[in-house]
Amino acid sequence: MRHHLLALAFTLPALAHGQGAAIFKDADLALGEKLLAEHQCAQCHTRQVGGDGSAIYRPTGRINNAGLLRGMVENCSTRLNLQLFPEEVTAIAAVLNRDHYRFKP
């Protein structure tokens, strides 16, 4: 587990540089919506931050571009052992971008 987190720490910054919301261009939004519901992401976020869970979005200084958003979804998948495929991670991140972040290409 520690190895995965260390690898992620080195991967996130690399993903973040030079990637705008264009990384979501061909994402399957219907799949992302289905996976968000199936894995109960909103309920988990509500348990973590309280209220309706929306306070987890846009934490100060943490997620400020599309690459970091996708990386955080990948991090959740890894921590929770969801075993999501890369296109599923992208689909979820694309829905979150559409609904909460609105990063531009």
PDB file of N, CA and C in Angstrom:
ATOM      1  N   MET A   1       0.825  -1.188   0.000  1.00  0.00           N
ATOM      2  CA  MET A   1       0.000   0.000   0.000  1.00  0.00           C
ATOM      3  C   MET A   1       0.871   1.255   0.000  1.00  0.00           C
ATOM      4  N   ARG A   2       1.893   1.260   0.830  1.00  0.00           N
ATOM      5  CA  ARG A   2       2.776   2.425   0.907  1.00  0.00           C
ATOM      6  C   ARG A   2       3.440   2.680  -0.443  1.00  0.00           C
ATOM      7  N   HIS A   3       3.814   1.585  -1.124  1.00  0.00           N
ATOM      8  CA  HIS A   3       4.440   1.703  -2.441  1.00  0.00           C
ATOM      9  C   HIS A   3       3.482   2.390  -3.419  1.00  0.00           C
ATOM     10  N   HIS A   4       2.198   2.021  -3.370  1.00  0.00           N
ATOM     11  CA  HIS A   4       1.210   2.612  -4.272  1.00  0.00           C
ATOM     12  C   HIS A   4       1.042   4.101  -3.995  1.00  0.00           C
ATOM     13  N   LEU A   5       0.998   4.477  -2.733  1.00  0.00           N
ATOM     14  CA  LEU A   5       0.842   5.884  -2.389  1.00  0.00           C
ATOM     15  C   LEU A   5       2.066   6.687  -2.803  1.00  0.00           C
ATOM     16  N   LEU A   6       3.245   6.111  -2.628  1.00  0.00           N
ATOM     17  CA  LEU A   6       4.469   6.785  -3.035  1.00  0.00           C
ATOM     18  C   LEU A   6       4.482   6.975  -4.553  1.00  0.00           C
ATOM     19  N   ALA A   7       4.103   5.941  -5.274  1.00  0.00           N
ATOM     20  CA  ALA A   7       4.041   6.040  -6.733  1.00  0.00           C
ATOM     21  C   ALA A   7       3.033   7.102  -7.153  1.00  0.00           C
ATOM     22  N   LEU A   8       1.907   7.152  -6.472  1.00  0.00           N
ATOM     23  CA  LEU A   8       0.892   8.143  -6.774  1.00  0.00           C
ATOM     24  C   LEU A   8       1.402   9.553  -6.510  1.00  0.00           C
ATOM     25  N   ALA A   9       2.154   9.723  -5.444  1.00  0.00           N
ATOM     26  CA  ALA A   9       2.697  11.044  -5.114  1.00  0.00           C
ATOM     27  C   ALA A   9       3.604  11.567  -6.219  1.00  0.00           C
ATOM     28  N   PHE A  10       4.313  10.665  -6.890  1.00  0.00           N
ATOM     29  CA  PHE A  10       5.179  11.086  -7.982  1.00  0.00           C
ATOM     30  C   PHE A  10       4.427  11.216  -9.300  1.00  0.00           C
ATOM     31  N   THR A  11       3.321  10.493  -9.436  1.00  0.00           N
ATOM     32  CA  THR A  11       2.560  10.492 -10.674  1.00  0.00           C
ATOM     33  C   THR A  11       1.629  11.688 -10.791  1.00  0.00           C
ATOM     34  N   LEU A  12       0.986  12.088  -9.715  1.00  0.00           N
ATOM     35  CA  LEU A  12       0.007  13.179  -9.778  1.00  0.00           C
ATOM     36  C   LEU A  12       0.568  14.460 -10.377  1.00  0.00           C
ATOM     37  N   PRO A  13       1.719  14.943  -9.908  1.00  0.00           N
ATOM     38  CA  PRO A  13       2.227  16.179 -10.504  1.00  0.00           C
ATOM     39  C   PRO A  13       2.514  16.029 -11.995  1.00  0.00           C
ATOM     40  N   ALA A  14       3.001  14.881 -12.414  1.00  0.00           N
ATOM     41  CA  ALA A  14       3.282  14.666 -13.830  1.00  0.00           C
ATOM     42  C   ALA A  14       1.989  14.699 -14.645  1.00  0.00           C
ATOM     43  N   LEU A  15       0.938  14.107 -14.124  1.00  0.00           N
ATOM     44  CA  LEU A  15      -0.350  14.123 -14.815  1.00  0.00           C
ATOM     45  C   LEU A  15      -0.922  15.532 -14.894  1.00  0.00           C
ATOM     46  N   ALA A  16      -0.686  16.309 -13.856  1.00  0.00           N
ATOM     47  CA  ALA A  16      -1.312  17.619 -13.749  1.00  0.00           C
ATOM     48  C   ALA A  16      -0.748  18.633 -14.729  1.00  0.00           C
ATOM     49  N   HIS A  17       0.514  18.548 -15.037  1.00  0.00           N
ATOM     50  CA  HIS A  17       1.143  19.541 -15.896  1.00  0.00           C
ATOM     51  C   HIS A  17       0.730  19.343 -17.343  1.00  0.00           C
ATOM     52  N   GLY A  18       0.239  20.410 -17.948  1.00  0.00           N
ATOM     53  CA  GLY A  18      -0.065  20.380 -19.357  1.00  0.00           C
ATOM     54  C   GLY A  18      -1.356  19.672 -19.725  1.00  0.00           C
ATOM     55  N   GLN A  19      -2.146  19.267 -18.767  1.00  0.00           N
ATOM     56  CA  GLN A  19      -3.399  18.600 -19.092  1.00  0.00           C
ATOM     57  C   GLN A  19      -4.573  19.445 -18.618  1.00  0.00           C
ATOM     58  N   GLY A  20      -5.322  19.950 -19.561  1.00  0.00           N
ATOM     59  CA  GLY A  20      -6.540  20.643 -19.219  1.00  0.00           C
ATOM     60  C   GLY A  20      -7.694  19.669 -19.240  1.00  0.00           C
ATOM     61  N   ALA A  21      -8.884  20.201 -19.256  1.00  0.00           N
ATOM     62  CA  ALA A  21     -10.073  19.360 -19.264  1.00  0.00           C
ATOM     63  C   ALA A  21     -10.203  18.566 -20.562  1.00  0.00           C
ATOM     64  N   ALA A  22      -9.305  18.783 -21.504  1.00  0.00           N
ATOM     65  CA  ALA A  22      -9.315  18.006 -22.743  1.00  0.00           C
ATOM     66  C   ALA A  22      -9.130  16.516 -22.457  1.00  0.00           C
ATOM     67  N   ILE A  23      -8.563  16.166 -21.308  1.00  0.00           N
ATOM     68  CA  ILE A  23      -8.400  14.748 -20.972  1.00  0.00           C
ATOM     69  C   ILE A  23      -9.764  14.068 -20.793  1.00  0.00           C
ATOM     70  N   PHE A  24     -10.817  14.849 -20.650  1.00  0.00           N
ATOM     71  CA  PHE A  24     -12.162  14.309 -20.486  1.00  0.00           C
ATOM     72  C   PHE A  24     -12.943  14.290 -21.803  1.00  0.00           C
ATOM     73  N   LYS A  25     -12.306  14.671 -22.901  1.00  0.00           N
ATOM     74  CA  LYS A  25     -12.978  14.847 -24.195  1.00  0.00           C
ATOM     75  C   LYS A  25     -13.831  13.655 -24.602  1.00  0.00           C
ATOM     76  N   ASP A  26     -13.317  12.465 -24.542  1.00  0.00           N
ATOM     77  CA  ASP A  26     -14.059  11.282 -24.990  1.00  0.00           C
ATOM     78  C   ASP A  26     -14.604  10.447 -23.831  1.00  0.00           C
ATOM     79  N   ALA A  27     -14.697  11.043 -22.665  1.00  0.00           N
ATOM     80  CA  ALA A  27     -15.154  10.302 -21.484  1.00  0.00           C
ATOM     81  C   ALA A  27     -16.626   9.921 -21.615  1.00  0.00           C
ATOM     82  N   ASP A  28     -16.948   8.775 -21.090  1.00  0.00           N
ATOM     83  CA  ASP A  28     -18.321   8.260 -21.081  1.00  0.00           C
ATOM     84  C   ASP A  28     -19.016   8.781 -19.820  1.00  0.00           C
ATOM     85  N   LEU A  29     -19.745   9.881 -19.967  1.00  0.00           N
ATOM     86  CA  LEU A  29     -20.390  10.513 -18.813  1.00  0.00           C
ATOM     87  C   LEU A  29     -21.454   9.618 -18.179  1.00  0.00           C
ATOM     88  N   ALA A  30     -22.183   8.881 -18.989  1.00  0.00           N
ATOM     89  CA  ALA A  30     -23.198   7.971 -18.435  1.00  0.00           C
ATOM     90  C   ALA A  30     -22.535   6.902 -17.568  1.00  0.00           C
ATOM     91  N   LEU A  31     -21.385   6.397 -18.009  1.00  0.00           N
ATOM     92  CA  LEU A  31     -20.641   5.421 -17.212  1.00  0.00           C
ATOM     93  C   LEU A  31     -20.161   6.060 -15.910  1.00  0.00           C
ATOM     94  N   GLY A  32     -19.649   7.283 -15.997  1.00  0.00           N
ATOM     95  CA  GLY A  32     -19.189   7.980 -14.799  1.00  0.00           C
ATOM     96  C   GLY A  32     -20.299   8.167 -13.780  1.00  0.00           C
ATOM     97  N   GLU A  33     -21.473   8.566 -14.253  1.00  0.00           N
ATOM     98  CA  GLU A  33     -22.622   8.736 -13.360  1.00  0.00           C
ATOM     99  C   GLU A  33     -22.997   7.408 -12.700  1.00  0.00           C
ATOM    100  N   LYS A  34     -23.000   6.338 -13.493  1.00  0.00           N
ATOM    101  CA  LYS A  34     -23.337   5.008 -12.981  1.00  0.00           C
ATOM    102  C   LYS A  34     -22.338   4.578 -11.906  1.00  0.00           C
ATOM    103  N   LEU A  35     -21.059   4.780 -12.177  1.00  0.00           N
ATOM    104  CA  LEU A  35     -20.023   4.365 -11.221  1.00  0.00           C
ATOM    105  C   LEU A  35     -20.067   5.195  -9.936  1.00  0.00           C
ATOM    106  N   LEU A  36     -20.338   6.496 -10.058  1.00  0.00           N
ATOM    107  CA  LEU A  36     -20.470   7.337  -8.860  1.00  0.00           C
ATOM    108  C   LEU A  36     -21.585   6.814  -7.958  1.00  0.00           C
ATOM    109  N   ALA A  37     -22.692   6.425  -8.558  1.00  0.00           N
ATOM    110  CA  ALA A  37     -23.817   5.884  -7.782  1.00  0.00           C
ATOM    111  C   ALA A  37     -23.485   4.499  -7.239  1.00  0.00           C
ATOM    112  N   GLU A  38     -22.935   3.656  -8.082  1.00  0.00           N
ATOM    113  CA  GLU A  38     -22.631   2.272  -7.705  1.00  0.00           C
ATOM    114  C   GLU A  38     -21.651   2.194  -6.535  1.00  0.00           C
ATOM    115  N   HIS A  39     -20.642   3.052  -6.552  1.00  0.00           N
ATOM    116  CA  HIS A  39     -19.623   3.024  -5.501  1.00  0.00           C
ATOM    117  C   HIS A  39     -19.948   3.965  -4.342  1.00  0.00           C
ATOM    118  N   GLN A  40     -21.122   4.593  -4.399  1.00  0.00           N
ATOM    119  CA  GLN A  40     -21.625   5.450  -3.326  1.00  0.00           C
ATOM    120  C   GLN A  40     -20.621   6.536  -2.930  1.00  0.00           C
ATOM    121  N   CYS A  41     -20.069   7.180  -3.941  1.00  0.00           N
ATOM    122  CA  CYS A  41     -19.059   8.222  -3.712  1.00  0.00           C
ATOM    123  C   CYS A  41     -19.617   9.372  -2.870  1.00  0.00           C
ATOM    124  N   ALA A  42     -20.810   9.845  -3.194  1.00  0.00           N
ATOM    125  CA  ALA A  42     -21.385  10.969  -2.455  1.00  0.00           C
ATOM    126  C   ALA A  42     -21.596  10.614  -0.984  1.00  0.00           C
ATOM    127  N   GLN A  43     -22.031   9.400  -0.711  1.00  0.00           N
ATOM    128  CA  GLN A  43     -22.251   8.979   0.671  1.00  0.00           C
ATOM    129  C   GLN A  43     -20.930   8.924   1.443  1.00  0.00           C
ATOM    130  N   CYS A  44     -19.879   8.450   0.799  1.00  0.00           N
ATOM    131  CA  CYS A  44     -18.562   8.401   1.431  1.00  0.00           C
ATOM    132  C   CYS A  44     -18.075   9.815   1.739  1.00  0.00           C
ATOM    133  N   HIS A  45     -18.250  10.725   0.785  1.00  0.00           N
ATOM    134  CA  HIS A  45     -17.821  12.109   0.982  1.00  0.00           C
ATOM    135  C   HIS A  45     -18.623  12.769   2.102  1.00  0.00           C
ATOM    136  N   THR A  46     -19.905  12.446   2.193  1.00  0.00           N
ATOM    137  CA  THR A  46     -20.733  12.986   3.275  1.00  0.00           C
ATOM    138  C   THR A  46     -20.213  12.515   4.632  1.00  0.00           C
ATOM    139  N   ARG A  47     -19.842  11.243   4.712  1.00  0.00           N
ATOM    140  CA  ARG A  47     -19.276  10.726   5.970  1.00  0.00           C
ATOM    141  C   ARG A  47     -17.958  11.421   6.308  1.00  0.00           C
ATOM    142  N   GLN A  48     -17.189  11.765   5.303  1.00  0.00           N
ATOM    143  CA  GLN A  48     -15.880  12.381   5.525  1.00  0.00           C
ATOM    144  C   GLN A  48     -15.975  13.840   5.950  1.00  0.00           C
ATOM    145  N   VAL A  49     -16.864  14.616   5.306  1.00  0.00           N
ATOM    146  CA  VAL A  49     -16.881  16.062   5.542  1.00  0.00           C
ATOM    147  C   VAL A  49     -18.183  16.585   6.125  1.00  0.00           C
ATOM    148  N   GLY A  50     -19.198  15.723   6.221  1.00  0.00           N
ATOM    149  CA  GLY A  50     -20.475  16.153   6.779  1.00  0.00           C
ATOM    150  C   GLY A  50     -21.320  16.915   5.779  1.00  0.00           C
ATOM    151  N   GLY A  51     -22.444  17.409   6.251  1.00  0.00           N
ATOM    152  CA  GLY A  51     -23.372  18.133   5.384  1.00  0.00           C
ATOM    153  C   GLY A  51     -23.822  17.270   4.233  1.00  0.00           C
ATOM    154  N   ASP A  52     -23.851  17.867   3.036  1.00  0.00           N
ATOM    155  CA  ASP A  52     -24.242  17.105   1.847  1.00  0.00           C
ATOM    156  C   ASP A  52     -23.032  16.505   1.132  1.00  0.00           C
ATOM    157  N   GLY A  53     -21.847  16.671   1.694  1.00  0.00           N
ATOM    158  CA  GLY A  53     -20.629  16.105   1.124  1.00  0.00           C
ATOM    159  C   GLY A  53     -19.946  16.990   0.109  1.00  0.00           C
ATOM    160  N   SER A  54     -20.591  18.068  -0.291  1.00  0.00           N
ATOM    161  CA  SER A  54     -20.028  18.915  -1.350  1.00  0.00           C
ATOM    162  C   SER A  54     -18.794  19.695  -0.897  1.00  0.00           C
ATOM    163  N   ALA A  55     -18.563  19.801   0.407  1.00  0.00           N
ATOM    164  CA  ALA A  55     -17.380  20.514   0.901  1.00  0.00           C
ATOM    165  C   ALA A  55     -16.082  19.820   0.497  1.00  0.00           C
ATOM    166  N   ILE A  56     -16.175  18.575   0.076  1.00  0.00           N
ATOM    167  CA  ILE A  56     -14.978  17.848  -0.342  1.00  0.00           C
ATOM    168  C   ILE A  56     -14.474  18.363  -1.688  1.00  0.00           C
ATOM    169  N   TYR A  57     -15.353  18.994  -2.468  1.00  0.00           N
ATOM    170  CA  TYR A  57     -14.955  19.505  -3.771  1.00  0.00           C
ATOM    171  C   TYR A  57     -14.223  20.831  -3.628  1.00  0.00           C
ATOM    172  N   ARG A  58     -13.169  20.956  -4.407  1.00  0.00           N
ATOM    173  CA  ARG A  58     -12.328  22.143  -4.434  1.00  0.00           C
ATOM    174  C   ARG A  58     -11.723  22.491  -3.075  1.00  0.00           C
ATOM    175  N   PRO A  59     -11.090  21.526  -2.425  1.00  0.00           N
ATOM    176  CA  PRO A  59     -10.407  21.887  -1.193  1.00  0.00           C
ATOM    177  C   PRO A  59      -9.300  22.892  -1.511  1.00  0.00           C
ATOM    178  N   THR A  60      -9.115  23.856  -0.657  1.00  0.00           N
ATOM    179  CA  THR A  60      -8.183  24.939  -0.902  1.00  0.00           C
ATOM    180  C   THR A  60      -6.811  24.431  -1.298  1.00  0.00           C
ATOM    181  N   GLY A  61      -6.378  24.811  -2.512  1.00  0.00           N
ATOM    182  CA  GLY A  61      -5.040  24.509  -2.978  1.00  0.00           C
ATOM    183  C   GLY A  61      -4.771  23.076  -3.393  1.00  0.00           C
ATOM    184  N   ARG A  62      -5.742  22.188  -3.328  1.00  0.00           N
ATOM    185  CA  ARG A  62      -5.459  20.785  -3.621  1.00  0.00           C
ATOM    186  C   ARG A  62      -5.765  20.390  -5.052  1.00  0.00           C
ATOM    187  N   ILE A  63      -6.915  20.722  -5.541  1.00  0.00           N
ATOM    188  CA  ILE A  63      -7.306  20.299  -6.881  1.00  0.00           C
ATOM    189  C   ILE A  63      -7.608  21.554  -7.692  1.00  0.00           C
ATOM    190  N   ASN A  64      -6.628  21.934  -8.521  1.00  0.00           N
ATOM    191  CA  ASN A  64      -6.812  23.166  -9.276  1.00  0.00           C
ATOM    192  C   ASN A  64      -6.637  22.978 -10.783  1.00  0.00           C
ATOM    193  N   ASN A  65      -6.659  21.726 -11.241  1.00  0.00           N
ATOM    194  CA  ASN A  65      -6.651  21.470 -12.676  1.00  0.00           C
ATOM    195  C   ASN A  65      -7.199  20.068 -12.937  1.00  0.00           C
ATOM    196  N   ALA A  66      -7.485  19.798 -14.193  1.00  0.00           N
ATOM    197  CA  ALA A  66      -8.125  18.537 -14.582  1.00  0.00           C
ATOM    198  C   ALA A  66      -7.264  17.318 -14.266  1.00  0.00           C
ATOM    199  N   GLY A  67      -5.959  17.429 -14.440  1.00  0.00           N
ATOM    200  CA  GLY A  67      -5.068  16.306 -14.157  1.00  0.00           C
ATOM    201  C   GLY A  67      -5.092  15.917 -12.689  1.00  0.00           C
ATOM    202  N   LEU A  68      -5.105  16.916 -11.809  1.00  0.00           N
ATOM    203  CA  LEU A  68      -5.170  16.621 -10.376  1.00  0.00           C
ATOM    204  C   LEU A  68      -6.514  16.028  -9.987  1.00  0.00           C
ATOM    205  N   LEU A  69      -7.579  16.482 -10.633  1.00  0.00           N
ATOM    206  CA  LEU A  69      -8.904  15.912 -10.368  1.00  0.00           C
ATOM    207  C   LEU A  69      -8.920  14.429 -10.733  1.00  0.00           C
ATOM    208  N   ARG A  70      -8.424  14.106 -11.910  1.00  0.00           N
ATOM    209  CA  ARG A  70      -8.376  12.705 -12.317  1.00  0.00           C
ATOM    210  C   ARG A  70      -7.493  11.903 -11.374  1.00  0.00           C
ATOM    211  N   GLY A  71      -6.387  12.499 -10.952  1.00  0.00           N
ATOM    212  CA  GLY A  71      -5.487  11.827 -10.013  1.00  0.00           C
ATOM    213  C   GLY A  71      -6.141  11.545  -8.672  1.00  0.00           C
ATOM    214  N   MET A  72      -6.979  12.449  -8.210  1.00  0.00           N
ATOM    215  CA  MET A  72      -7.661  12.220  -6.935  1.00  0.00           C
ATOM    216  C   MET A  72      -8.689  11.096  -7.056  1.00  0.00           C
ATOM    217  N   VAL A  73      -9.359  10.994  -8.199  1.00  0.00           N
ATOM    218  CA  VAL A  73     -10.282   9.880  -8.408  1.00  0.00           C
ATOM    219  C   VAL A  73      -9.491   8.573  -8.432  1.00  0.00           C
ATOM    220  N   GLU A  74      -8.350   8.576  -9.092  1.00  0.00           N
ATOM    221  CA  GLU A  74      -7.483   7.391  -9.106  1.00  0.00           C
ATOM    222  C   GLU A  74      -7.049   7.038  -7.684  1.00  0.00           C
ATOM    223  N   ASN A  75      -6.741   8.056  -6.892  1.00  0.00           N
ATOM    224  CA  ASN A  75      -6.346   7.838  -5.490  1.00  0.00           C
ATOM    225  C   ASN A  75      -7.480   7.173  -4.710  1.00  0.00           C
ATOM    226  N   CYS A  76      -8.702   7.645  -4.875  1.00  0.00           N
ATOM    227  CA  CYS A  76      -9.847   7.015  -4.202  1.00  0.00           C
ATOM    228  C   CYS A  76      -9.976   5.558  -4.637  1.00  0.00           C
ATOM    229  N   SER A  77      -9.844   5.313  -5.920  1.00  0.00           N
ATOM    230  CA  SER A  77      -9.948   3.943  -6.433  1.00  0.00           C
ATOM    231  C   SER A  77      -8.898   3.049  -5.790  1.00  0.00           C
ATOM    232  N   THR A  78      -7.687   3.560  -5.668  1.00  0.00           N
ATOM    233  CA  THR A  78      -6.595   2.775  -5.077  1.00  0.00           C
ATOM    234  C   THR A  78      -6.827   2.546  -3.587  1.00  0.00           C
ATOM    235  N   ARG A  79      -7.134   3.623  -2.856  1.00  0.00           N
ATOM    236  CA  ARG A  79      -7.326   3.506  -1.403  1.00  0.00           C
ATOM    237  C   ARG A  79      -8.475   2.586  -1.043  1.00  0.00           C
ATOM    238  N   LEU A  80      -9.530   2.629  -1.835  1.00  0.00           N
ATOM    239  CA  LEU A  80     -10.726   1.841  -1.537  1.00  0.00           C
ATOM    240  C   LEU A  80     -10.746   0.507  -2.277  1.00  0.00           C
ATOM    241  N   ASN A  81      -9.670   0.222  -3.000  1.00  0.00           N
ATOM    242  CA  ASN A  81      -9.544  -1.031  -3.750  1.00  0.00           C
ATOM    243  C   ASN A  81     -10.740  -1.249  -4.691  1.00  0.00           C
ATOM    244  N   LEU A  82     -11.119  -0.198  -5.411  1.00  0.00           N
ATOM    245  CA  LEU A  82     -12.255  -0.290  -6.326  1.00  0.00           C
ATOM    246  C   LEU A  82     -11.888  -0.982  -7.633  1.00  0.00           C
ATOM    247  N   GLN A  83     -10.622  -1.040  -7.939  1.00  0.00           N
ATOM    248  CA  GLN A  83     -10.113  -1.698  -9.142  1.00  0.00           C
ATOM    249  C   GLN A  83     -10.758  -1.141 -10.409  1.00  0.00           C
ATOM    250  N   LEU A  84     -10.834   0.188 -10.481  1.00  0.00           N
ATOM    251  CA  LEU A  84     -11.392   0.834 -11.662  1.00  0.00           C
ATOM    252  C   LEU A  84     -10.383   0.818 -12.799  1.00  0.00           C
ATOM    253  N   PHE A  85     -10.880   0.651 -14.003  1.00  0.00           N
ATOM    254  CA  PHE A  85     -10.050   0.759 -15.192  1.00  0.00           C
ATOM    255  C   PHE A  85      -9.776   2.237 -15.469  1.00  0.00           C
ATOM    256  N   PRO A  86      -8.692   2.557 -16.180  1.00  0.00           N
ATOM    257  CA  PRO A  86      -8.364   3.964 -16.455  1.00  0.00           C
ATOM    258  C   PRO A  86      -9.519   4.742 -17.091  1.00  0.00           C
ATOM    259  N   GLU A  87     -10.254   4.113 -18.026  1.00  0.00           N
ATOM    260  CA  GLU A  87     -11.363   4.830 -18.661  1.00  0.00           C
ATOM    261  C   GLU A  87     -12.511   5.069 -17.676  1.00  0.00           C
ATOM    262  N   GLU A  88     -12.646   4.224 -16.661  1.00  0.00           N
ATOM    263  CA  GLU A  88     -13.665   4.431 -15.636  1.00  0.00           C
ATOM    264  C   GLU A  88     -13.278   5.595 -14.721  1.00  0.00           C
ATOM    265  N   VAL A  89     -12.003   5.668 -14.376  1.00  0.00           N
ATOM    266  CA  VAL A  89     -11.504   6.797 -13.569  1.00  0.00           C
ATOM    267  C   VAL A  89     -11.745   8.099 -14.325  1.00  0.00           C
ATOM    268  N   THR A  90     -11.425   8.101 -15.603  1.00  0.00           N
ATOM    269  CA  THR A  90     -11.624   9.298 -16.421  1.00  0.00           C
ATOM    270  C   THR A  90     -13.101   9.654 -16.509  1.00  0.00           C
ATOM    271  N   ALA A  91     -13.972   8.667 -16.648  1.00  0.00           N
ATOM    272  CA  ALA A  91     -15.411   8.919 -16.731  1.00  0.00           C
ATOM    273  C   ALA A  91     -15.932   9.569 -15.449  1.00  0.00           C
ATOM    274  N   ILE A  92     -15.503   9.055 -14.310  1.00  0.00           N
ATOM    275  CA  ILE A  92     -15.922   9.631 -13.025  1.00  0.00           C
ATOM    276  C   ILE A  92     -15.406  11.058 -12.901  1.00  0.00           C
ATOM    277  N   ALA A  93     -14.136  11.257 -13.206  1.00  0.00           N
ATOM    278  CA  ALA A  93     -13.546  12.599 -13.098  1.00  0.00           C
ATOM    279  C   ALA A  93     -14.238  13.570 -14.052  1.00  0.00           C
ATOM    280  N   ALA A  94     -14.621  13.107 -15.224  1.00  0.00           N
ATOM    281  CA  ALA A  94     -15.313  13.973 -16.184  1.00  0.00           C
ATOM    282  C   ALA A  94     -16.664  14.429 -15.642  1.00  0.00           C
ATOM    283  N   VAL A  95     -17.383  13.536 -14.982  1.00  0.00           N
ATOM    284  CA  VAL A  95     -18.669  13.912 -14.377  1.00  0.00           C
ATOM    285  C   VAL A  95     -18.437  14.927 -13.258  1.00  0.00           C
ATOM    286  N   LEU A  96     -17.426  14.683 -12.430  1.00  0.00           N
ATOM    287  CA  LEU A  96     -17.126  15.632 -11.354  1.00  0.00           C
ATOM    288  C   LEU A  96     -16.719  16.984 -11.924  1.00  0.00           C
ATOM    289  N   ASN A  97     -15.972  16.962 -13.025  1.00  0.00           N
ATOM    290  CA  ASN A  97     -15.589  18.218 -13.662  1.00  0.00           C
ATOM    291  C   ASN A  97     -16.821  18.948 -14.190  1.00  0.00           C
ATOM    292  N   ARG A  98     -17.704  18.212 -14.827  1.00  0.00           N
ATOM    293  CA  ARG A  98     -18.932  18.809 -15.366  1.00  0.00           C
ATOM    294  C   ARG A  98     -19.806  19.407 -14.264  1.00  0.00           C
ATOM    295  N   ASP A  99     -19.940  18.683 -13.158  1.00  0.00           N
ATOM    296  CA  ASP A  99     -20.884  19.066 -12.114  1.00  0.00           C
ATOM    297  C   ASP A  99     -20.323  20.005 -11.050  1.00  0.00           C
ATOM    298  N   HIS A 100     -18.997  19.962 -10.830  1.00  0.00           N
ATOM    299  CA  HIS A 100     -18.443  20.716  -9.702  1.00  0.00           C
ATOM    300  C   HIS A 100     -17.262  21.619 -10.047  1.00  0.00           C
ATOM    301  N   TYR A 101     -16.352  21.160 -10.870  1.00  0.00           N
ATOM    302  CA  TYR A 101     -15.087  21.875 -11.068  1.00  0.00           C
ATOM    303  C   TYR A 101     -15.087  22.796 -12.261  1.00  0.00           C
ATOM    304  N   ARG A 102     -15.566  22.336 -13.385  1.00  0.00           N
ATOM    305  CA  ARG A 102     -15.674  23.119 -14.617  1.00  0.00           C
ATOM    306  C   ARG A 102     -14.325  23.630 -15.138  1.00  0.00           C
ATOM    307  N   PHE A 103     -13.309  22.756 -15.125  1.00  0.00           N
ATOM    308  CA  PHE A 103     -12.021  23.114 -15.726  1.00  0.00           C
ATOM    309  C   PHE A 103     -12.209  23.201 -17.234  1.00  0.00           C
ATOM    310  N   LYS A 104     -11.602  24.181 -17.829  1.00  0.00           N
ATOM    311  CA  LYS A 104     -11.691  24.384 -19.266  1.00  0.00           C
ATOM    312  C   LYS A 104     -10.552  23.675 -19.980  1.00  0.00           C
ATOM    313  N   PRO A 105     -10.778  23.273 -21.249  1.00  0.00           N
ATOM    314  CA  PRO A 105      -9.698  22.614 -22.036  1.00  0.00           C
ATOM    315  C   PRO A 105      -8.561  23.584 -22.324  1.00  0.00           C
TER     316      PRO A 105
END
